[in-house]
Each structure stands twice: as structure tokens, then as C-alpha cells.
C-alpha atoms as a PDB file:
ATOM      1  CA  MET A   1       6.110 -21.356 -28.790  1.00  0.00           C
ATOM      2  CA  LYS A   2       3.128 -21.908 -26.004  1.00  0.00           C
ATOM      3  CA  LYS A   3       4.574 -18.820 -23.653  1.00  0.00           C
ATOM      4  CA  GLU A   4       4.229 -16.556 -27.022  1.00  0.00           C
ATOM      5  CA  ILE A   5       0.501 -17.814 -27.906  1.00  0.00           C
ATOM      6  CA  TYR A   6       0.024 -17.530 -23.978  1.00  0.00           C
ATOM      7  CA  ILE A   7       1.407 -14.030 -23.526  1.00  0.00           C
ATOM      8  CA  ILE A   8      -0.729 -12.819 -26.952  1.00  0.00           C
ATOM      9  CA  LEU A   9      -3.286 -13.810 -26.081  1.00  0.00           C
ATOM     10  CA  PHE A  10      -3.649 -12.625 -22.701  1.00  0.00           C
ATOM     11  CA  SER A  11      -2.064  -8.762 -24.429  1.00  0.00           C
ATOM     12  CA  VAL A  12      -5.438  -9.418 -26.761  1.00  0.00           C
ATOM     13  CA  LEU A  13      -7.726 -10.142 -23.251  1.00  0.00           C
ATOM     14  CA  GLY A  14      -6.461  -6.582 -22.061  1.00  0.00           C
ATOM     15  CA  PHE A  15      -7.258  -5.010 -25.333  1.00  0.00           C
ATOM     16  CA  LEU A  16     -10.868  -6.270 -25.038  1.00  0.00           C
ATOM     17  CA  VAL A  17     -11.427  -5.474 -21.248  1.00  0.00           C
ATOM     18  CA  ASN A  18      -9.960  -2.290 -21.971  1.00  0.00           C
ATOM     19  CA  PHE A  19     -12.050  -1.810 -25.515  1.00  0.00           C
ATOM     20  CA  LEU A  20     -15.144  -2.339 -23.429  1.00  0.00           C
ATOM     21  CA  ILE A  21     -14.477  -0.321 -20.773  1.00  0.00           C
ATOM     22  CA  LEU A  22     -14.080   2.823 -22.927  1.00  0.00           C
ATOM     23  CA  ALA A  23     -17.564   1.960 -25.166  1.00  0.00           C
ATOM     24  CA  MET A  24     -18.775   2.262 -21.416  1.00  0.00           C
ATOM     25  CA  ILE A  25     -17.161   5.677 -20.845  1.00  0.00           C
ATOM     26  CA  GLU A  26     -17.341   7.119 -24.383  1.00  0.00           C
ATOM     27  CA  THR A  27     -21.874   6.025 -24.644  1.00  0.00           C
ATOM     28  CA  TRP A  28     -21.775   7.969 -21.135  1.00  0.00           C
ATOM     29  CA  TYR A  29     -19.894  11.093 -22.635  1.00  0.00           C
ATOM     30  CA  ILE A  30     -21.370  11.550 -26.146  1.00  0.00           C
ATOM     31  CA  ASN A  31     -24.456  11.394 -25.156  1.00  0.00           C
ATOM     32  CA  HIS A  32     -23.755  14.132 -21.628  1.00  0.00           C
ATOM     33  CA  TYR A  33     -21.548  16.209 -24.145  1.00  0.00           C
ATOM     34  CA  MET A  34     -22.502  15.646 -27.849  1.00  0.00           C
ATOM     35  CA  ARG A  35     -22.708  19.708 -27.904  1.00  0.00           C
ATOM     36  CA  ASP A  36     -18.762  20.465 -27.307  1.00  0.00           C
ATOM     37  CA  PHE A  37     -17.767  16.746 -28.893  1.00  0.00           C
ATOM     38  CA  SER A  38     -13.530  17.558 -29.882  1.00  0.00           C
ATOM     39  CA  GLY A  39     -13.566  13.928 -32.196  1.00  0.00           C
ATOM     40  CA  MET A  40      -9.776  14.158 -32.563  1.00  0.00           C
ATOM     41  CA  ALA A  41      -9.293  15.077 -28.860  1.00  0.00           C
ATOM     42  CA  TYR A  42     -11.260  11.875 -27.916  1.00  0.00           C
ATOM     43  CA  ALA A  43      -9.876   9.932 -30.496  1.00  0.00           C
ATOM     44  CA  MET A  44      -6.074  10.621 -28.926  1.00  0.00           C
ATOM     45  CA  ILE A  45      -7.587   8.771 -25.936  1.00  0.00           C
ATOM     46  CA  SER A  46      -9.077   6.384 -26.659  1.00  0.00           C
ATOM     47  CA  ALA A  47      -5.916   5.070 -28.602  1.00  0.00           C
ATOM     48  CA  LEU A  48      -3.971   5.943 -25.477  1.00  0.00           C
ATOM     49  CA  TRP A  49      -6.758   3.825 -23.220  1.00  0.00           C
ATOM     50  CA  LEU A  50      -6.153   0.929 -25.742  1.00  0.00           C
ATOM     51  CA  ALA A  51      -2.778   1.267 -25.759  1.00  0.00           C
ATOM     52  CA  ILE A  52      -1.685   0.535 -21.921  1.00  0.00           C
ATOM     53  CA  GLY A  53      -4.562  -2.150 -22.182  1.00  0.00           C
ATOM     54  CA  MET A  54      -2.297  -4.365 -24.067  1.00  0.00           C
ATOM     55  CA  VAL A  55       1.043  -3.200 -21.901  1.00  0.00           C
ATOM     56  CA  PHE A  56      -1.488  -4.215 -18.949  1.00  0.00           C
ATOM     57  CA  GLY A  57      -2.607  -7.634 -20.571  1.00  0.00           C
ATOM     58  CA  PHE A  58       1.224  -8.076 -21.496  1.00  0.00           C
ATOM     59  CA  ILE A  59       2.128  -7.587 -18.225  1.00  0.00           C
ATOM     60  CA  ASP A  60      -0.156  -9.492 -16.496  1.00  0.00           C
ATOM     61  CA  GLY A  61       0.721 -12.011 -19.507  1.00  0.00           C
ATOM     62  CA  LYS A  62       4.410 -12.559 -18.418  1.00  0.00           C
ATOM     63  CA  PHE A  63       3.560 -12.656 -14.943  1.00  0.00           C
ATOM     64  CA  PHE A  64       0.618 -15.319 -14.787  1.00  0.00           C
ATOM     65  CA  TRP A  65       2.891 -17.702 -17.337  1.00  0.00           C
ATOM     66  CA  GLN A  66       5.527 -17.220 -14.361  1.00  0.00           C
ATOM     67  CA  LYS A  67       2.945 -18.459 -11.993  1.00  0.00           C
ATOM     68  CA  ILE A  68       1.582 -21.418 -13.409  1.00  0.00           C
ATOM     69  CA  TYR A  69       3.583 -22.783 -15.970  1.00  0.00           C
ATOM     70  CA  VAL A  70       7.251 -21.777 -13.878  1.00  0.00           C
ATOM     71  CA  GLU A  71       6.994 -21.626 -10.335  1.00  0.00           C
ATOM     72  CA  LYS A  72       4.069 -24.242 -10.658  1.00  0.00           C
ATOM     73  CA  VAL A  73       1.649 -22.213  -8.250  1.00  0.00           C
ATOM     74  CA  ARG A  74      -1.582 -23.611  -8.685  1.00  0.00           C
ATOM     75  CA  LYS A  75      -5.545 -23.080  -7.455  1.00  0.00           C
ATOM     76  CA  LYS A  76      -4.912 -25.702  -4.514  1.00  0.00           C
ATOM     77  CA  HIS A  77      -2.043 -23.590  -2.541  1.00  0.00           C
ATOM     78  CA  PHE A  78      -3.756 -20.361  -2.553  1.00  0.00           C
ATOM     79  CA  PHE A  79      -6.899 -22.318  -1.604  1.00  0.00           C
ATOM     80  CA  LYS A  80      -4.659 -24.187   1.640  1.00  0.00           C
ATOM     81  CA  TRP A  81      -6.288 -22.117   4.263  1.00  0.00           C
ATOM     82  CA  ILE A  82      -9.293 -24.224   3.123  1.00  0.00           C
ATOM     83  CA  ARG A  83      -8.363 -27.117   3.613  1.00  0.00           C
ATOM     84  CA  LYS A  84      -7.040 -27.508   6.878  1.00  0.00           C
ATOM     85  CA  LYS A  85      -6.902 -30.277   9.040  1.00  0.00           C
ATOM     86  CA  ARG A  86      -8.679 -29.502  12.300  1.00  0.00           C
END
């Protein structure tokens, strides 16, 4: 149960991050190309962009679940070189 919730939350995080990026791009795009704005084409592109965000979130969730909970890779392993005794 914990694994499924973890992966679902990572998918939501991927969606939200891509939504913020899409909002910034959308603001720029609409401001510069308002005269030739094609709403249907842009709606399809934005839906695809958000779906890609969810897929990458799902992949990241599975990857980090494996690293953190299965392999038990923690912060101390990533920063081992800082703690070297001289």
C-alpha cells in the first residue's frame, strides 16, 4: 500500500511540475501570438505535455522507491566524500 501511494504521489508531483512549466510557456505564447492563436492545437499539445509529466513522475516514483526503500540508499552514501577522515 505504501509503495502505491508513493508512486501515485510522485505522478501527481510530475503533473504539477509540468503544469507550472506549461503555465509559464502558455503565458509567453499567448502574449506573443494572440492574433494567430489556435486553441484546439494548443489544447492537444498541453494535454500531451501534462500526460508526459505524469509518465515521468510515475517512472521517477518507481526509481526512487527502489533506491530509498529497497536498496536503502540514504543521504550519507551520496555525500560520503564530504565525511572522509583526513
